[in-house]
């Protein structure tokens, strides 16, 4: 992977705290990851309210986080999503608003600058041409080491056309006009791909005119349906050979920051072990590193409840019983045990539920 393995906090729902983000900088560096990208859908100044300037306190928090990442020895990135910017003329006023945000990112030291046009209206004539103009304009003004564009259609998954309209003819071919220093995000055969292969990624590279930067939507659990599950099983279907066909691998984690570390460690093991990778052993080791031996055993026992049943199937008595089982770990300070136990308890209580209204407004 040549060091290009990291995290993109790009989910809907409740964003992580600034403390959790700072903790991730050290965690990622310690375990051989190289970048963290701040891109929560719930930050309105990065998406729906992108035309408005950052409040001073918010910009200061971003600058502090950038410094924490750099001090930890990893790259800091942002995922900026100028919502439906291409629906209106790209005139002087829009350019002024856009330049103001670019100035902030340049000032705080953004290394990876993601320009995200995902989850927006797409069935428009001249969509690719409009996006090309905007992205190339940004590329000429950003001081980031790497720019990454997320197109409106970022997978072959038919659900994208169902939600955002029919993809214009020749969309990807026209995007080949992107500045060659701009990478492109790709989620795989599906929005939430179960596996990746060279057989899929090689033709994608040829179509995009560059190796894609994987936006891996496992273990993310945002949205009204997925928030009902804790995606804790170890990764599979990510063979090390795919590294030859991607520019990097960005993992979109769960809303639960501590528990997500378990899955991230299994991905790292998958790359390192190759054909010798054993998912079960990788999970046990990772869960023990993130929590403690006893809680790791409990998490392994409860994988079917968390991943197969979910909140809508678990009975009230089952939820109460599970909460009681994890309650003793709320006071255990070993590793991230207490934080992980709190996330399990809060999830069982419905704290992480993402409603349809919230999903549509972020």
Foldseek 3Di string as FASTA:
>chain_A
DVQFEEAEQAFFFDADDLVLLLVVLLVCLVQRHAEYEYHYPPPCCQEVVVLDDDDPVVLVSLLVSQVSNVVSRHAYHYAREHAPPLVDDCDPSVVVSVLNVLVSCQVSPHQEYEYEPAPHAAPDPCRLVSVQVVQQVSVVRHPHNAYEYEDNDQALACVSCVRRNDHDPCNQVSNLPHDPRYAYEHAYNHVADLADDCVGLVVVCVSNVHQHAYEHAPPAQHDQPSLQAGRQQAHDRYALVCVVRHPHYYYHFYSQSLSRQLNVQSVSVRNVCGPNRDRVVSSQVSLCQQANNVVSVVCVVCNCVRHPQGQVRDDPVNLVVNLVVLVVQCPPPRHNRNSVSVVSNCSSVVVRRQDPVSVVVD
